[in-house]
PDB file of N, CA and C in Angstrom:
ATOM      1  N   MET A   1      29.435  17.073   6.796  1.00  0.00           N
ATOM      2  CA  MET A   1      28.223  17.335   6.930  1.00  0.00           C
ATOM      3  C   MET A   1      27.587  16.440   5.246  1.00  0.00           C
ATOM      4  N   ASP A   2      26.665  15.819   5.721  1.00  0.00           N
ATOM      5  CA  ASP A   2      25.602  15.676   4.157  1.00  0.00           C
ATOM      6  C   ASP A   2      25.175  16.462   3.579  1.00  0.00           C
ATOM      7  N   SER A   3      25.439  16.829   2.113  1.00  0.00           N
ATOM      8  CA  SER A   3      25.567  17.847   0.898  1.00  0.00           C
ATOM      9  C   SER A   3      23.574  17.881   0.839  1.00  0.00           C
ATOM     10  N   ILE A   4      23.063  18.486   0.744  1.00  0.00           N
ATOM     11  CA  ILE A   4      21.797  18.488  -0.031  1.00  0.00           C
ATOM     12  C   ILE A   4      21.458  17.693  -0.156  1.00  0.00           C
ATOM     13  N   LYS A   5      21.962  17.143  -1.279  1.00  0.00           N
ATOM     14  CA  LYS A   5      21.243  16.352  -2.292  1.00  0.00           C
ATOM     15  C   LYS A   5      21.175  14.857  -1.699  1.00  0.00           C
ATOM     16  N   ASP A   6      22.099  14.206  -1.155  1.00  0.00           N
ATOM     17  CA  ASP A   6      22.742  12.992  -0.248  1.00  0.00           C
ATOM     18  C   ASP A   6      20.800  13.913   1.326  1.00  0.00           C
ATOM     19  N   LEU A   7      20.687  14.486   1.468  1.00  0.00           N
ATOM     20  CA  LEU A   7      19.570  14.951   2.832  1.00  0.00           C
ATOM     21  C   LEU A   7      17.983  15.056   1.630  1.00  0.00           C
ATOM     22  N   TYR A   8      18.335  15.257   0.201  1.00  0.00           N
ATOM     23  CA  TYR A   8      16.984  14.921  -0.134  1.00  0.00           C
ATOM     24  C   TYR A   8      16.549  13.123  -0.339  1.00  0.00           C
ATOM     25  N   ALA A   9      17.896  12.895  -1.250  1.00  0.00           N
ATOM     26  CA  ALA A   9      17.943  11.287  -0.873  1.00  0.00           C
ATOM     27  C   ALA A   9      17.155  10.744   0.135  1.00  0.00           C
ATOM     28  N   GLN A  10      18.289  11.086   1.139  1.00  0.00           N
ATOM     29  CA  GLN A  10      17.564  10.350   2.106  1.00  0.00           C
ATOM     30  C   GLN A  10      16.072  10.538   3.163  1.00  0.00           C
ATOM     31  N   LEU A  11      15.913  11.686   2.785  1.00  0.00           N
ATOM     32  CA  LEU A  11      14.207  12.501   3.182  1.00  0.00           C
ATOM     33  C   LEU A  11      13.110  11.379   2.385  1.00  0.00           C
ATOM     34  N   PHE A  12      13.591  11.402   0.885  1.00  0.00           N
ATOM     35  CA  PHE A  12      12.734  10.536  -0.112  1.00  0.00           C
ATOM     36  C   PHE A  12      12.885   9.048  -0.092  1.00  0.00           C
ATOM     37  N   ALA A  13      13.955   8.800   0.263  1.00  0.00           N
ATOM     38  CA  ALA A  13      13.671   7.082   1.298  1.00  0.00           C
ATOM     39  C   ALA A  13      12.971   6.698   1.878  1.00  0.00           C
ATOM     40  N   GLN A  14      12.773   7.860   2.975  1.00  0.00           N
ATOM     41  CA  GLN A  14      12.052   7.383   3.611  1.00  0.00           C
ATOM     42  C   GLN A  14      10.506   8.016   3.626  1.00  0.00           C
ATOM     43  N   TRP A  15       9.984   8.929   2.554  1.00  0.00           N
ATOM     44  CA  TRP A  15       9.047   8.991   2.783  1.00  0.00           C
ATOM     45  C   TRP A  15       8.509   8.136   1.487  1.00  0.00           C
ATOM     46  N   ALA A  16       9.081   8.001   0.902  1.00  0.00           N
ATOM     47  CA  ALA A  16       8.593   6.406  -0.308  1.00  0.00           C
ATOM     48  C   ALA A  16       8.469   5.203   0.834  1.00  0.00           C
ATOM     49  N   GLU A  17       9.508   5.495   1.399  1.00  0.00           N
ATOM     50  CA  GLU A  17       9.052   3.500   1.844  1.00  0.00           C
ATOM     51  C   GLU A  17       7.476   3.961   3.069  1.00  0.00           C
ATOM     52  N   ARG A  18       7.679   5.066   3.691  1.00  0.00           N
ATOM     53  CA  ARG A  18       6.161   5.578   4.465  1.00  0.00           C
ATOM     54  C   ARG A  18       4.870   5.259   3.424  1.00  0.00           C
ATOM     55  N   GLY A  19       5.215   5.812   2.113  1.00  0.00           N
ATOM     56  CA  GLY A  19       4.035   5.863   1.023  1.00  0.00           C
ATOM     57  C   GLY A  19       3.594   4.365   1.040  1.00  0.00           C
ATOM     58  N   ALA A  20       4.555   3.591   1.099  1.00  0.00           N
ATOM     59  CA  ALA A  20       4.136   2.519   0.301  1.00  0.00           C
ATOM     60  C   ALA A  20       3.731   1.337   1.257  1.00  0.00           C
ATOM     61  N   HIS A  21       4.430   1.400   2.356  1.00  0.00           N
ATOM     62  CA  HIS A  21       3.533   1.040   3.934  1.00  0.00           C
ATOM     63  C   HIS A  21       2.351   1.332   3.510  1.00  0.00           C
ATOM     64  N   ILE A  22       1.741   2.641   3.851  1.00  0.00           N
ATOM     65  CA  ILE A  22       0.228   3.185   3.679  1.00  0.00           C
ATOM     66  C   ILE A  22      -0.776   2.308   2.607  1.00  0.00           C
ATOM     67  N   ALA A  23      -0.099   2.317   1.304  1.00  0.00           N
ATOM     68  CA  ALA A  23      -0.962   2.078   0.628  1.00  0.00           C
ATOM     69  C   ALA A  23      -0.845   0.380   0.163  1.00  0.00           C
ATOM     70  N   ALA A  24       0.053  -0.263   0.700  1.00  0.00           N
ATOM     71  CA  ALA A  24      -0.280  -1.720   1.156  1.00  0.00           C
ATOM     72  C   ALA A  24      -1.194  -1.992   2.431  1.00  0.00           C
ATOM     73  N   VAL A  25      -1.357  -0.925   3.670  1.00  0.00           N
ATOM     74  CA  VAL A  25      -2.178  -0.966   3.922  1.00  0.00           C
ATOM     75  C   VAL A  25      -3.250  -0.696   4.142  1.00  0.00           C
ATOM     76  N   ARG A  26      -3.735   0.310   3.044  1.00  0.00           N
ATOM     77  CA  ARG A  26      -4.699   0.881   2.403  1.00  0.00           C
ATOM     78  C   ARG A  26      -5.897  -0.734   1.838  1.00  0.00           C
ATOM     79  N   GLY A  27      -4.716  -0.709   0.833  1.00  0.00           N
ATOM     80  CA  GLY A  27      -5.319  -1.836   0.310  1.00  0.00           C
ATOM     81  C   GLY A  27      -5.720  -3.091   0.957  1.00  0.00           C
ATOM     82  N   TYR A  28      -5.136  -3.450   1.703  1.00  0.00           N
ATOM     83  CA  TYR A  28      -5.239  -5.327   2.470  1.00  0.00           C
ATOM     84  C   TYR A  28      -6.456  -4.810   3.011  1.00  0.00           C
ATOM     85  N   GLU A  29      -6.557  -3.414   3.938  1.00  0.00           N
ATOM     86  CA  GLU A  29      -8.338  -3.335   4.268  1.00  0.00           C
ATOM     87  C   GLU A  29      -9.508  -3.106   3.491  1.00  0.00           C
ATOM     88  N   ARG A  30      -9.164  -2.392   2.041  1.00  0.00           N
ATOM     89  CA  ARG A  30     -10.052  -2.571   1.609  1.00  0.00           C
ATOM     90  C   ARG A  30     -10.042  -3.918   0.720  1.00  0.00           C
ATOM     91  N   GLY A  31      -9.597  -4.891   0.713  1.00  0.00           N
ATOM     92  CA  GLY A  31      -9.884  -6.496  -0.053  1.00  0.00           C
ATOM     93  C   GLY A  31     -10.199  -7.131   0.860  1.00  0.00           C
ATOM     94  N   THR A  32     -10.246  -6.741   2.545  1.00  0.00           N
ATOM     95  CA  THR A  32     -10.183  -7.446   3.594  1.00  0.00           C
ATOM     96  C   THR A  32     -11.939  -7.132   3.788  1.00  0.00           C
ATOM     97  N   LEU A  33     -12.267  -5.601   3.239  1.00  0.00           N
ATOM     98  CA  LEU A  33     -14.105  -5.646   3.299  1.00  0.00           C
ATOM     99  C   LEU A  33     -14.587  -6.100   2.644  1.00  0.00           C
ATOM    100  N   ASP A  34     -14.083  -5.891   0.833  1.00  0.00           N
ATOM    101  CA  ASP A  34     -14.621  -6.790  -0.019  1.00  0.00           C
ATOM    102  C   ASP A  34     -14.940  -8.184   0.212  1.00  0.00           C
ATOM    103  N   ALA A  35     -13.851  -8.552   0.441  1.00  0.00           N
ATOM    104  CA  ALA A  35     -14.431  -9.927   0.523  1.00  0.00           C
ATOM    105  C   ALA A  35     -14.950 -10.135   1.335  1.00  0.00           C
ATOM    106  N   ALA A  36     -14.989  -9.498   3.161  1.00  0.00           N
ATOM    107  CA  ALA A  36     -16.220  -9.838   3.973  1.00  0.00           C
ATOM    108  C   ALA A  36     -17.574  -9.525   3.304  1.00  0.00           C
ATOM    109  N   GLU A  37     -17.731  -8.754   2.127  1.00  0.00           N
ATOM    110  CA  GLU A  37     -19.358  -8.124   1.633  1.00  0.00           C
ATOM    111  C   GLU A  37     -19.649  -9.412   0.137  1.00  0.00           C
ATOM    112  N   GLY A  38     -18.936  -9.683   0.303  1.00  0.00           N
ATOM    113  CA  GLY A  38     -18.609 -11.318  -1.182  1.00  0.00           C
ATOM    114  C   GLY A  38     -18.926 -10.340  -2.413  1.00  0.00           C
ATOM    115  N   LYS A  39     -18.348  -9.601  -1.998  1.00  0.00           N
ATOM    116  CA  LYS A  39     -17.865  -8.118  -3.900  1.00  0.00           C
ATOM    117  C   LYS A  39     -16.748  -9.164  -4.811  1.00  0.00           C
ATOM    118  N   THR A  40     -16.823  -9.296  -5.905  1.00  0.00           N
ATOM    119  CA  THR A  40     -15.704  -9.702  -6.515  1.00  0.00           C
ATOM    120  C   THR A  40     -14.179  -8.467  -6.105  1.00  0.00           C
ATOM    121  N   GLU A  41     -12.842  -9.598  -6.826  1.00  0.00           N
ATOM    122  CA  GLU A  41     -13.024  -8.549  -6.739  1.00  0.00           C
ATOM    123  C   GLU A  41     -12.399  -7.191  -7.161  1.00  0.00           C
ATOM    124  N   CYS A  42     -11.435  -5.938  -7.159  1.00  0.00           N
ATOM    125  CA  CYS A  42     -11.745  -4.581  -7.186  1.00  0.00           C
ATOM    126  C   CYS A  42     -10.221  -4.218  -7.075  1.00  0.00           C
ATOM    127  N   GLU A  43      -9.211  -4.178  -7.574  1.00  0.00           N
ATOM    128  CA  GLU A  43      -7.987  -3.766  -7.522  1.00  0.00           C
ATOM    129  C   GLU A  43      -8.326  -2.166  -7.926  1.00  0.00           C
ATOM    130  N   THR A  44      -8.725  -1.531  -8.129  1.00  0.00           N
ATOM    131  CA  THR A  44      -8.713   0.074  -8.577  1.00  0.00           C
ATOM    132  C   THR A  44      -8.195   0.636  -7.590  1.00  0.00           C
ATOM    133  N   LEU A  45      -7.241   1.656  -8.241  1.00  0.00           N
ATOM    134  CA  LEU A  45      -6.201   2.391  -7.119  1.00  0.00           C
ATOM    135  C   LEU A  45      -6.971   3.949  -7.058  1.00  0.00           C
ATOM    136  N   PRO A  46      -7.094   3.891  -5.281  1.00  0.00           N
ATOM    137  CA  PRO A  46      -8.598   4.898  -5.209  1.00  0.00           C
ATOM    138  C   PRO A  46      -8.147   6.000  -4.901  1.00  0.00           C
ATOM    139  N   TYR A  47      -8.392   7.578  -5.506  1.00  0.00           N
ATOM    140  CA  TYR A  47      -7.999   8.590  -5.538  1.00  0.00           C
ATOM    141  C   TYR A  47      -7.225   8.958  -5.087  1.00  0.00           C
ATOM    142  N   ASP A  48      -6.815   8.923  -3.670  1.00  0.00           N
ATOM    143  CA  ASP A  48      -5.789   9.678  -2.810  1.00  0.00           C
ATOM    144  C   ASP A  48      -4.653   8.864  -2.284  1.00  0.00           C
ATOM    145  N   ILE A  49      -4.584   7.378  -3.360  1.00  0.00           N
ATOM    146  CA  ILE A  49      -3.491   6.766  -3.792  1.00  0.00           C
ATOM    147  C   ILE A  49      -2.681   7.645  -4.810  1.00  0.00           C
ATOM    148  N   HIS A  50      -1.339   7.501  -4.821  1.00  0.00           N
ATOM    149  CA  HIS A  50      -0.474   7.596  -5.749  1.00  0.00           C
ATOM    150  C   HIS A  50       0.365   6.575  -6.767  1.00  0.00           C
ATOM    151  N   ARG A  51       0.036   7.065  -7.909  1.00  0.00           N
ATOM    152  CA  ARG A  51       0.225   5.664  -8.672  1.00  0.00           C
ATOM    153  C   ARG A  51       1.403   5.376  -8.770  1.00  0.00           C
ATOM    154  N   MET A  52       2.462   6.097  -8.348  1.00  0.00           N
ATOM    155  CA  MET A  52       4.234   5.494  -7.505  1.00  0.00           C
ATOM    156  C   MET A  52       3.421   4.105  -6.561  1.00  0.00           C
ATOM    157  N   TYR A  53       2.574   4.180  -5.562  1.00  0.00           N
ATOM    158  CA  TYR A  53       2.601   3.307  -5.193  1.00  0.00           C
ATOM    159  C   TYR A  53       1.044   2.395  -5.485  1.00  0.00           C
ATOM    160  N   GLU A  54       0.983   1.983  -6.786  1.00  0.00           N
ATOM    161  CA  GLU A  54       0.109   1.284  -7.034  1.00  0.00           C
ATOM    162  C   GLU A  54       0.001   0.095  -7.065  1.00  0.00           C
ATOM    163  N   ASN A  55       1.282  -0.683  -6.979  1.00  0.00           N
ATOM    164  CA  ASN A  55       2.172  -2.150  -6.979  1.00  0.00           C
ATOM    165  C   ASN A  55       1.480  -2.354  -5.743  1.00  0.00           C
ATOM    166  N   ASP A  56       2.076  -1.891  -4.478  1.00  0.00           N
ATOM    167  CA  ASP A  56       2.327  -2.049  -3.380  1.00  0.00           C
ATOM    168  C   ASP A  56       0.468  -1.985  -3.020  1.00  0.00           C
ATOM    169  N   TYR A  57       0.163  -0.883  -3.671  1.00  0.00           N
ATOM    170  CA  TYR A  57      -1.865  -1.320  -3.147  1.00  0.00           C
ATOM    171  C   TYR A  57      -2.592  -2.479  -3.398  1.00  0.00           C
ATOM    172  N   ARG A  58      -1.945  -2.803  -5.186  1.00  0.00           N
ATOM    173  CA  ARG A  58      -2.222  -4.097  -5.269  1.00  0.00           C
ATOM    174  C   ARG A  58      -1.784  -5.248  -4.531  1.00  0.00           C
ATOM    175  N   ARG A  59      -0.867  -5.393  -4.201  1.00  0.00           N
ATOM    176  CA  ARG A  59      -0.078  -6.191  -3.292  1.00  0.00           C
ATOM    177  C   ARG A  59      -1.074  -6.369  -2.238  1.00  0.00           C
ATOM    178  N   GLY A  60      -1.819  -5.458  -1.371  1.00  0.00           N
ATOM    179  CA  GLY A  60      -1.655  -5.318  -0.204  1.00  0.00           C
ATOM    180  C   GLY A  60      -3.661  -5.315  -0.434  1.00  0.00           C
ATOM    181  N   TYR A  61      -4.116  -5.094  -1.267  1.00  0.00           N
ATOM    182  CA  TYR A  61      -5.351  -5.603  -1.774  1.00  0.00           C
ATOM    183  C   TYR A  61      -5.663  -7.048  -1.879  1.00  0.00           C
ATOM    184  N   ARG A  62      -4.961  -8.235  -2.854  1.00  0.00           N
ATOM    185  CA  ARG A  62      -4.489  -9.375  -2.782  1.00  0.00           C
ATOM    186  C   ARG A  62      -4.284  -9.817  -1.490  1.00  0.00           C
ATOM    187  N   GLU A  63      -3.811  -9.951  -1.141  1.00  0.00           N
ATOM    188  CA  GLU A  63      -3.172 -10.329   0.753  1.00  0.00           C
ATOM    189  C   GLU A  63      -4.879 -10.014   1.690  1.00  0.00           C
ATOM    190  N   GLY A  64      -4.879  -8.908   1.485  1.00  0.00           N
ATOM    191  CA  GLY A  64      -6.526  -8.360   2.318  1.00  0.00           C
ATOM    192  C   GLY A  64      -7.600  -9.735   1.718  1.00  0.00           C
ATOM    193  N   TYR A  65      -8.071  -9.576   0.697  1.00  0.00           N
ATOM    194  CA  TYR A  65      -8.922 -10.640   0.219  1.00  0.00           C
ATOM    195  C   TYR A  65      -9.059 -11.866   0.635  1.00  0.00           C
ATOM    196  N   ASN A  66      -7.630 -12.229  -0.411  1.00  0.00           N
ATOM    197  CA  ASN A  66      -7.460 -13.665  -0.090  1.00  0.00           C
ATOM    198  C   ASN A  66      -7.201 -14.519   1.501  1.00  0.00           C
ATOM    199  N   HIS A  67      -6.395 -13.110   2.337  1.00  0.00           N
ATOM    200  CA  HIS A  67      -5.938 -13.710   3.726  1.00  0.00           C
ATOM    201  C   HIS A  67      -6.850 -12.716   4.668  1.00  0.00           C
ATOM    202  N   GLY A  68      -7.693 -12.130   4.311  1.00  0.00           N
ATOM    203  CA  GLY A  68      -8.581 -10.926   5.392  1.00  0.00           C
ATOM    204  C   GLY A  68      -7.813 -11.530   6.750  1.00  0.00           C
ATOM    205  N   ASN A  69      -8.494 -12.774   6.674  1.00  0.00           N
ATOM    206  CA  ASN A  69      -8.222 -13.171   8.680  1.00  0.00           C
ATOM    207  C   ASN A  69      -7.158 -13.353   8.809  1.00  0.00           C
ATOM    208  N   GLU A  70      -6.432 -13.280   8.966  1.00  0.00           N
ATOM    209  CA  GLU A  70      -4.387 -13.566   9.208  1.00  0.00           C
ATOM    210  C   GLU A  70      -4.125 -12.436   9.376  1.00  0.00           C
ATOM    211  N   GLN A  71      -2.728 -12.731   9.101  1.00  0.00           N
ATOM    212  CA  GLN A  71      -2.031 -11.190   9.802  1.00  0.00           C
ATOM    213  C   GLN A  71      -1.302 -11.065   8.644  1.00  0.00           C
ATOM    214  N   PRO A  72      -1.394  -9.871   8.310  1.00  0.00           N
ATOM    215  CA  PRO A  72      -0.656  -9.211   6.960  1.00  0.00           C
ATOM    216  C   PRO A  72       0.850  -9.969   6.756  1.00  0.00           C
ATOM    217  N   GLU A  73       1.842  -9.591   5.777  1.00  0.00           N
ATOM    218  CA  GLU A  73       3.127 -10.043   6.075  1.00  0.00           C
ATOM    219  C   GLU A  73       3.672  -9.222   5.880  1.00  0.00           C
ATOM    220  N   PHE A  74       3.544  -7.781   5.926  1.00  0.00           N
ATOM    221  CA  PHE A  74       4.144  -6.511   5.262  1.00  0.00           C
ATOM    222  C   PHE A  74       4.530  -5.840   6.765  1.00  0.00           C
TER     223      PHE A  74
END
């Protein structure tokens, strides 16, 4: 049987991976919309995305802004 510490580590890894994916998708969507509307790049982190996922959001935003009409790589 796994210890409580191991169980928490597994759950945190799943939670962190899911949060990073959500942040990247949200960034991609926002970047795509900004590019479609002719806005300048703005990678400001939305209030509902945790700072822990800032890099994932920014990566998604850049992909969406620069390649919004293509399939994302994440």
